[in-house]
Amino acid sequence: MKIFASAALVLLAASPMAPAVAGGPGFGRGDAVPKSMPIGNRPGNPLYDMPVGQRLISAFGERPVFSPDGKKLAFIGRSYGDAFEYDLATGTTRNLTAHSPNKGFLRIHYLADGSYLLLGPRLPAATREETRFSRIELFWMDARAERAPMPLGKTVFEGIATSRNSNLVAWGQMKIDPVKKEPVGTTIFTANVTVSSDGAKLANEREVVTTTECSVEAQDFLPGDQALLMPCYRFTPTHEAAGEEVVSVDLRTAKLTRYPTPPQLYGEVEGIFPDGSKALVECADDRRRGMDLCVLDLDPARPRYTRMTDIVQYGGYKYGNPSVHPAGHMIAAQIGPAEVADAGVGEGIVLIDLRPDF
């Protein structure tokens, strides 16, 4: 298994890994999301002109996630590529999947026991769109990353949610109209990943809810694992997201709760804070031209949105796929150009310290 420290990051990521202290650098909640988030034309490159409290830890990569103990960070090197893991204490990065032949992966997640779940195609389709929407499967890999990723026999729509308390996992499967070839809804499932000396399998699989008004993606379990936070997409016939909102589903009753999104805002929920009171949201007027990170209070009666970053001032750049540290004092996110071939593509991983009063 290859382990390395990227020399390209020496000048870009030399700051310590400790969280911000009172009065020290770090990001705050910011102001309420404005009626518009115009794209700017500030000169420079945000990959080099980092604000105080933010640092680049990898000059490549996308879709970062923290380990359950918060000591490591897994991410995908590039779409349909290998998975990597960054050690926050040593600053070293290792390739997790190069030891086994594969067709590449789009996402990686940790289970509570430290093993991994990977999402990727066993056999790609003729087009990237068909692969993304119908060929992405769920794989398990041991915590030492020594075995080949093992398929669990499930196709997955977009991402999955993993519990911080157990090996509980949730995923969605898209329903496609066989005649119109358009999305007509999604079904959310949950199951436990049981691990043995022979590998892993899914147990206690349960169908939770089917949505037809929009397509939902499993994102994060709320504290206690009794509900699931999800983005809710409305797609065009060409699979472009035409509208989004934030919803949660009660896993016992299948009741959906909506957190209203400002009408002008593209707001895709991504990472939940440990206490479940708020979540990170990718936010933009037009995500194809630039996208920032916002914070949403998870109160359906008063869903307050505040703006945390301002990368769109440069024009043509975006943050994406943020993940919250288990202790809540730090965020990992991908960074890169806004105009990309596929949703989720990034060109580097940053860590962002949060102020104690965040």
Protein backbone atom coordinates (compact mmCIF):
# COMPACT_ATOMS: atom_id res chain seq x y z
CA MET A 1 0.00 0.00 0.00
CA LYS A 2 1.58 3.28 -1.11
CA ILE A 3 2.15 5.91 1.58
CA PHE A 4 3.50 9.35 0.72
CA ALA A 5 3.68 12.97 1.78
CA SER A 6 3.06 15.32 -1.12
CA ALA A 7 5.99 17.66 -1.67
CA ALA A 8 3.70 19.94 -3.68
CA LEU A 9 1.89 20.80 -0.45
CA VAL A 10 4.88 21.97 1.58
CA LEU A 11 4.35 25.63 0.74
CA LEU A 12 0.58 25.39 0.84
CA ALA A 13 -0.21 23.41 3.96
CA ALA A 14 2.28 24.01 6.74
CA SER A 15 -0.12 25.25 9.41
CA PRO A 16 -0.83 23.15 12.54
CA MET A 17 -3.85 20.87 12.79
CA ALA A 18 -5.14 22.17 16.13
CA PRO A 19 -8.62 23.72 16.25
CA ALA A 20 -9.06 27.46 16.53
CA VAL A 21 -8.92 28.89 20.05
CA ALA A 22 -10.93 31.73 21.54
CA GLY A 23 -10.02 34.93 19.75
CA GLY A 24 -7.94 33.01 17.23
CA PRO A 25 -8.43 32.41 13.52
CA GLY A 26 -11.35 30.44 12.23
CA PHE A 27 -14.58 30.70 10.31
CA GLY A 28 -17.83 31.91 11.86
CA ARG A 29 -21.48 31.49 10.89
CA GLY A 30 -21.52 34.61 8.73
CA ASP A 31 -24.48 36.75 7.76
CA ALA A 32 -27.88 35.68 6.51
CA VAL A 33 -27.85 34.43 2.93
CA PRO A 34 -28.54 37.46 0.69
CA LYS A 35 -31.20 37.59 -2.00
CA SER A 36 -28.48 37.00 -4.56
CA MET A 37 -24.91 35.66 -4.52
CA PRO A 38 -23.40 37.35 -7.58
CA ILE A 39 -20.29 35.97 -9.23
CA GLY A 40 -17.32 38.30 -8.82
CA ASN A 41 -14.16 38.95 -10.81
CA ARG A 42 -11.56 39.26 -8.08
CA PRO A 43 -8.06 38.54 -9.46
CA GLY A 44 -6.06 35.66 -8.09
CA ASN A 45 -6.55 31.97 -7.44
CA PRO A 46 -8.42 30.83 -4.29
CA LEU A 47 -6.39 27.61 -4.26
CA TYR A 48 -3.36 29.76 -3.36
CA ASP A 49 -4.98 32.80 -1.71
CA MET A 50 -6.33 30.90 1.29
CA PRO A 51 -8.22 32.84 3.98
CA VAL A 52 -7.02 32.65 7.59
CA GLY A 53 -8.21 29.41 9.19
CA GLN A 54 -8.15 27.39 5.96
CA ARG A 55 -5.38 25.23 4.51
CA LEU A 56 -4.90 22.92 1.56
CA ILE A 57 -3.92 19.40 2.61
CA SER A 58 -4.05 17.76 -0.82
CA ALA A 59 -3.56 19.29 -4.25
CA PHE A 60 -5.92 16.66 -5.69
CA GLY A 61 -9.05 14.94 -4.52
CA GLU A 62 -12.78 15.18 -3.89
CA ARG A 63 -15.56 14.06 -1.49
CA PRO A 64 -13.67 14.01 1.83
CA VAL A 65 -15.03 12.27 4.96
CA PHE A 66 -13.63 12.12 8.49
CA SER A 67 -12.95 8.83 10.24
CA PRO A 68 -15.12 8.02 13.30
CA ASP A 69 -12.28 9.02 15.67
CA GLY A 70 -11.52 12.18 13.70
CA LYS A 71 -7.86 11.29 13.20
CA LYS A 72 -8.00 10.56 9.47
CA LEU A 73 -9.71 11.79 6.36
CA ALA A 74 -10.63 9.57 3.40
CA PHE A 75 -11.29 10.97 -0.06
CA ILE A 76 -11.45 10.05 -3.73
CA GLY A 77 -8.43 11.05 -5.81
CA ARG A 78 -10.52 11.77 -8.88
CA SER A 79 -13.89 10.59 -10.16
CA TYR A 80 -13.63 6.90 -11.13
CA GLY A 81 -10.19 6.72 -9.55
CA ASP A 82 -8.59 5.37 -6.39
CA ALA A 83 -9.48 6.22 -2.79
CA PHE A 84 -6.94 7.83 -0.45
CA GLU A 85 -6.56 8.50 3.27
CA TYR A 86 -4.88 11.47 4.94
CA ASP A 87 -3.50 11.22 8.48
CA LEU A 88 -4.13 14.49 10.33
CA ALA A 89 -1.31 13.89 12.82
CA THR A 90 1.47 13.01 10.38
CA GLY A 91 0.33 14.74 7.20
CA THR A 92 0.89 11.57 5.16
CA THR A 93 -1.47 10.25 2.51
CA ARG A 94 -1.89 6.61 1.48
CA ASN A 95 -3.63 5.02 -1.46
CA LEU A 96 -6.33 2.69 -0.12
CA THR A 97 -7.39 0.86 -3.27
CA ALA A 98 -4.37 0.54 -5.59
CA HIS A 99 -3.71 -2.97 -4.24
CA SER A 100 -6.75 -4.37 -6.06
CA PRO A 101 -7.97 -4.09 -9.68
CA ASN A 102 -11.04 -1.85 -9.93
CA LYS A 103 -13.00 0.34 -12.32
CA GLY A 104 -12.61 3.35 -10.04
CA PHE A 105 -14.71 4.84 -7.29
CA LEU A 106 -16.84 7.95 -6.75
CA ARG A 107 -17.17 7.95 -2.96
CA ILE A 108 -15.71 6.45 0.17
CA HIS A 109 -17.21 6.30 3.68
CA TYR A 110 -16.14 4.96 7.06
CA LEU A 111 -18.26 2.55 9.04
CA ALA A 112 -18.33 2.87 12.84
CA ASP A 113 -15.99 -0.13 13.18
CA GLY A 114 -13.33 1.59 11.02
CA SER A 115 -13.87 -0.44 7.85
CA TYR A 116 -14.82 1.26 4.59
CA LEU A 117 -17.71 1.46 2.17
CA LEU A 118 -16.90 2.41 -1.42
CA LEU A 119 -19.19 3.42 -4.26
CA GLY A 120 -18.25 2.72 -7.87
CA PRO A 121 -19.10 0.74 -10.98
CA ARG A 122 -18.24 -2.92 -11.36
CA LEU A 123 -18.81 -2.49 -15.09
CA PRO A 124 -19.21 1.06 -16.51
CA ALA A 125 -22.04 1.79 -18.94
CA ALA A 126 -21.72 3.37 -22.37
CA THR A 127 -21.98 6.94 -21.02
CA ARG A 128 -20.96 8.71 -17.82
CA GLU A 129 -24.59 9.63 -17.13
CA GLU A 130 -25.83 6.05 -17.45
CA THR A 131 -22.97 4.83 -15.26
CA ARG A 132 -23.72 7.40 -12.57
CA PHE A 133 -27.45 6.74 -12.46
CA SER A 134 -27.61 2.95 -12.93
CA ARG A 135 -24.22 1.26 -12.44
CA ILE A 136 -22.87 2.55 -9.11
CA GLU A 137 -22.56 -0.30 -6.60
CA LEU A 138 -21.79 -0.57 -2.91
CA PHE A 139 -18.52 -2.25 -1.87
CA TRP A 140 -17.05 -3.09 1.56
CA MET A 141 -13.33 -3.06 2.41
CA ASP A 142 -11.59 -4.06 5.63
CA ALA A 143 -10.19 -1.44 8.03
CA ARG A 144 -6.58 -2.29 7.14
CA ALA A 145 -7.34 -1.85 3.45
CA GLU A 146 -5.70 -5.17 2.63
CA ARG A 147 -8.55 -7.11 1.02
CA ALA A 148 -10.07 -6.37 -2.35
CA PRO A 149 -13.27 -4.30 -2.10
CA MET A 150 -16.18 -6.75 -1.81
CA PRO A 151 -19.47 -6.01 -3.65
CA LEU A 152 -22.53 -6.02 -1.41
CA GLY A 153 -25.02 -6.55 -4.21
CA LYS A 154 -26.70 -3.13 -4.21
CA THR A 155 -26.84 -0.35 -6.77
CA VAL A 156 -26.98 3.12 -5.28
CA PHE A 157 -28.35 6.51 -6.33
CA GLU A 158 -25.77 9.19 -5.49
CA GLY A 159 -24.42 8.87 -1.92
CA ILE A 160 -25.06 6.94 1.27
CA ALA A 161 -25.36 7.72 4.97
CA THR A 162 -23.37 5.88 7.65
CA SER A 163 -24.08 5.93 11.36
CA ARG A 164 -21.52 7.18 13.88
CA ASN A 165 -22.85 4.69 16.44
CA SER A 166 -23.05 1.38 14.57
CA ASN A 167 -22.59 -0.19 11.14
CA LEU A 168 -26.02 1.09 10.07
CA VAL A 169 -26.12 2.37 6.49
CA ALA A 170 -28.80 4.04 4.35
CA TRP A 171 -28.95 4.36 0.58
CA GLY A 172 -31.34 5.23 -2.21
CA GLN A 173 -32.26 3.56 -5.47
CA MET A 174 -33.63 5.63 -8.34
CA LYS A 175 -36.78 4.72 -10.21
CA ILE A 176 -36.63 5.44 -13.98
CA ASP A 177 -39.65 5.62 -16.27
CA PRO A 178 -38.98 2.80 -18.78
CA VAL A 179 -40.59 4.74 -21.65
CA LYS A 180 -39.53 8.35 -21.02
CA LYS A 181 -36.18 7.34 -19.47
CA GLU A 182 -36.68 10.02 -16.82
CA PRO A 183 -36.38 9.84 -13.02
CA VAL A 184 -39.75 9.33 -11.35
CA GLY A 185 -38.66 8.94 -7.73
CA THR A 186 -36.41 7.16 -5.28
CA THR A 187 -36.69 4.53 -2.57
CA ILE A 188 -34.63 4.78 0.63
CA PHE A 189 -33.37 1.63 2.35
CA THR A 190 -31.46 0.90 5.55
CA ALA A 191 -29.45 -2.14 6.62
CA ASN A 192 -26.67 -3.21 8.97
CA VAL A 193 -23.27 -4.14 7.57
CA THR A 194 -22.23 -7.28 9.42
CA VAL A 195 -18.52 -8.10 9.30
CA SER A 196 -16.93 -11.51 9.79
CA SER A 197 -13.71 -13.30 8.88
CA ASP A 198 -15.31 -14.09 5.51
CA GLY A 199 -15.97 -10.43 4.70
CA ALA A 200 -19.20 -8.48 5.02
CA LYS A 201 -22.86 -8.63 4.08
CA LEU A 202 -26.02 -6.59 4.57
CA ALA A 203 -28.48 -7.70 7.24
CA ASN A 204 -31.87 -6.46 8.45
CA GLU A 205 -32.53 -4.62 5.20
CA ARG A 206 -35.62 -2.43 5.37
CA GLU A 207 -37.45 -0.22 2.88
CA VAL A 208 -38.16 3.13 4.53
CA VAL A 209 -39.91 5.43 2.05
CA THR A 210 -40.46 6.03 -1.65
CA THR A 211 -40.64 9.59 -2.94
CA THR A 212 -42.15 10.54 -6.29
CA GLU A 213 -42.24 14.35 -6.10
CA CYS A 214 -38.45 14.47 -6.11
CA SER A 215 -35.40 12.21 -5.97
CA VAL A 216 -33.82 11.95 -2.52
CA GLU A 217 -30.28 10.98 -1.58
CA ALA A 218 -29.27 9.48 1.77
CA GLN A 219 -26.90 12.01 3.36
CA ASP A 220 -26.61 11.88 7.17
CA PHE A 221 -28.28 10.17 10.09
CA LEU A 222 -29.62 12.57 12.68
CA PRO A 223 -28.46 11.95 16.28
CA GLY A 224 -29.90 8.70 17.61
CA ASP A 225 -30.22 7.22 14.10
CA GLN A 226 -34.01 7.62 14.14
CA ALA A 227 -34.12 9.99 11.16
CA LEU A 228 -32.22 10.65 7.97
CA LEU A 229 -31.25 14.02 6.46
CA MET A 230 -31.45 14.20 2.66
CA PRO A 231 -31.26 16.56 -0.31
CA CYS A 232 -34.33 16.36 -2.53
CA TYR A 233 -33.61 16.90 -6.25
CA ARG A 234 -35.89 17.76 -9.11
CA PHE A 235 -34.17 16.72 -12.34
CA THR A 236 -34.60 17.80 -15.93
CA PRO A 237 -34.78 15.12 -18.67
CA THR A 238 -31.01 15.58 -19.16
CA HIS A 239 -30.42 14.76 -15.46
CA GLU A 240 -29.56 18.36 -14.52
CA ALA A 241 -30.76 19.37 -11.06
CA ALA A 242 -33.56 21.88 -11.64
CA GLY A 243 -34.45 22.45 -8.00
CA GLU A 244 -33.40 21.31 -4.55
CA GLU A 245 -34.70 21.34 -1.02
CA VAL A 246 -33.63 19.87 2.31
CA VAL A 247 -35.77 17.15 3.87
CA SER A 248 -35.54 14.53 6.59
CA VAL A 249 -37.42 11.27 7.01
CA ASP A 250 -38.40 9.61 10.27
CA LEU A 251 -37.14 6.03 9.92
CA ARG A 252 -39.93 4.68 12.14
CA THR A 253 -42.94 6.43 10.58
CA ALA A 254 -41.62 7.42 7.11
CA LYS A 255 -42.86 10.96 7.76
CA LEU A 256 -41.04 13.61 5.72
CA THR A 257 -40.06 16.96 7.21
CA ARG A 258 -39.13 19.87 4.95
CA TYR A 259 -36.72 22.69 5.72
CA PRO A 260 -37.76 25.47 3.30
CA THR A 261 -35.02 26.83 1.05
CA PRO A 262 -34.99 30.44 -0.20
CA PRO A 263 -36.46 30.36 -3.74
CA GLN A 264 -33.39 31.91 -5.39
CA LEU A 265 -30.92 29.55 -3.69
CA TYR A 266 -29.40 26.32 -4.93
CA GLY A 267 -29.14 24.61 -1.54
CA GLU A 268 -27.85 21.02 -1.37
CA VAL A 269 -27.39 19.69 2.16
CA GLU A 270 -24.10 17.88 2.73
CA GLY A 271 -22.68 17.55 6.26
CA ILE A 272 -24.44 17.52 9.64
CA PHE A 273 -22.97 18.83 12.90
CA PRO A 274 -22.59 16.36 15.79
CA ASP A 275 -25.48 17.75 17.86
CA GLY A 276 -27.85 17.69 14.89
CA SER A 277 -28.83 21.35 15.27
CA LYS A 278 -27.40 22.53 11.96
CA ALA A 279 -25.96 21.29 8.68
CA LEU A 280 -23.72 22.51 5.89
CA VAL A 281 -25.32 23.33 2.56
CA GLU A 282 -23.72 23.89 -0.84
CA CYS A 283 -25.21 27.24 -1.85
CA ALA A 284 -25.22 29.30 -5.03
CA ASP A 285 -27.31 31.29 -7.47
CA ASP A 286 -25.83 29.26 -10.33
CA ARG A 287 -23.59 26.39 -9.22
CA ARG A 288 -22.13 26.05 -12.73
CA ARG A 289 -20.43 29.44 -12.24
CA GLY A 290 -19.46 29.23 -8.58
CA MET A 291 -20.60 27.79 -5.25
CA ASP A 292 -20.05 28.51 -1.56
CA LEU A 293 -20.79 26.84 1.77
CA CYS A 294 -23.73 27.94 3.88
CA VAL A 295 -25.09 26.78 7.24
CA LEU A 296 -28.70 25.75 7.83
CA ASP A 297 -30.40 25.62 11.24
CA LEU A 298 -32.38 22.37 11.22
CA ASP A 299 -35.57 23.94 12.53
CA PRO A 300 -38.40 23.42 10.00
CA ALA A 301 -40.31 26.38 11.44
CA ARG A 302 -37.28 28.70 11.29
CA PRO A 303 -34.73 27.26 8.83
CA ARG A 304 -32.10 30.02 9.08
CA TYR A 305 -29.50 30.06 6.29
CA THR A 306 -26.21 31.87 6.84
CA ARG A 307 -23.28 32.20 4.47
CA MET A 308 -19.96 30.81 5.66
CA THR A 309 -17.61 31.33 2.67
CA ASP A 310 -17.22 33.68 -0.29
CA ILE A 311 -15.27 31.88 -2.99
CA VAL A 312 -17.64 33.08 -5.73
CA GLN A 313 -16.02 36.50 -5.48
CA TYR A 314 -13.24 35.07 -7.67
CA GLY A 315 -15.62 33.79 -10.34
CA GLY A 316 -15.51 30.23 -11.63
CA TYR A 317 -14.57 28.44 -8.39
CA LYS A 318 -16.48 26.44 -5.84
CA TYR A 319 -16.39 24.53 -2.58
CA GLY A 320 -18.21 21.22 -2.43
CA ASN A 321 -19.01 18.05 -0.50
CA PRO A 322 -18.13 19.37 2.98
CA SER A 323 -17.76 17.00 5.94
CA VAL A 324 -17.90 17.98 9.63
CA HIS A 325 -15.30 16.65 12.09
CA PRO A 326 -16.83 14.40 14.79
CA ALA A 327 -15.84 17.01 17.40
CA GLY A 328 -17.52 19.78 15.40
CA HIS A 329 -14.54 22.19 15.35
CA MET A 330 -13.38 21.65 11.78
CA ILE A 331 -14.70 21.09 8.26
CA ALA A 332 -13.15 19.31 5.29
CA ALA A 333 -14.26 20.22 1.78
CA GLN A 334 -13.17 19.94 -1.80
CA ILE A 335 -12.20 22.99 -3.80
CA GLY A 336 -11.76 23.63 -7.50
CA PRO A 337 -13.25 25.04 -10.69
CA ALA A 338 -17.03 25.37 -10.91
CA GLU A 339 -17.29 24.15 -14.50
CA VAL A 340 -16.72 20.39 -14.35
CA ALA A 341 -17.64 17.26 -16.31
CA ASP A 342 -19.66 15.68 -13.48
CA ALA A 343 -21.20 16.81 -10.21
CA GLY A 344 -18.80 16.20 -7.35
CA VAL A 345 -15.56 16.72 -9.25
CA GLY A 346 -12.91 18.58 -7.24
CA GLU A 347 -9.23 19.47 -7.51
CA GLY A 348 -8.05 19.54 -3.90
CA ILE A 349 -9.00 19.10 -0.25
CA VAL A 350 -9.04 21.89 2.34
CA LEU A 351 -9.48 21.92 6.11
CA ILE A 352 -11.39 24.85 7.61
CA ASP A 353 -11.17 25.69 11.32
CA LEU A 354 -14.35 26.91 13.03
CA ARG A 355 -14.50 29.47 15.80
CA PRO A 356 -15.59 28.18 19.22
CA ASP A 357 -18.81 30.22 18.94
CA PHE A 358 -19.72 28.77 15.53
